[in-house]
């Protein structure tokens, strides 16, 4: 019986290893009016990441979008794909309540494999102290052969000023 349990654990572990998780990470979940919130977009446990696109929704009545990009070197946040050595072509679209950040590596070769890859950063100023939800509304991850990577866009949203 222990033998079958061990084989089952190995199979489940192998299946889970191919699934990348996309998540949002905020530097402050209880910001005051006028304060700044920095949100990093992170992909965990990724293999051969070559191209990605993520959409993040927010409440524009509570948050003012200050900046959105694939990285923010002035804040010490570098896109992990830059370390891969190939050129990275970004695309950022901003509209009230929604930010779309995407990028692709140019040239041939394998994509990035990493336990944790920072792929974007969004900066907000708090307009009003009220509960506000930041969440991933869509994620697309492709490998170097333009095949979809299993990704999770059902990650837990970030709730700022929860309960206000």
Foldseek 3Di string as FASTA:
>chain_A
DVVVVVVVVVVVVVVVLQEKEWDKDWPAQADAAQDKIKIWIKIFNHWQWFKKKWKKFKALQFKDWDDKAQFDVVVPTDFQQVVVPFDKDWDWDDDHGMIMIMIGGDDADTGDGDRMGTGMMTMIGTNHRDKMKMAIPDMFTAGRVRHTGNYDRPDDIRIHNPPD
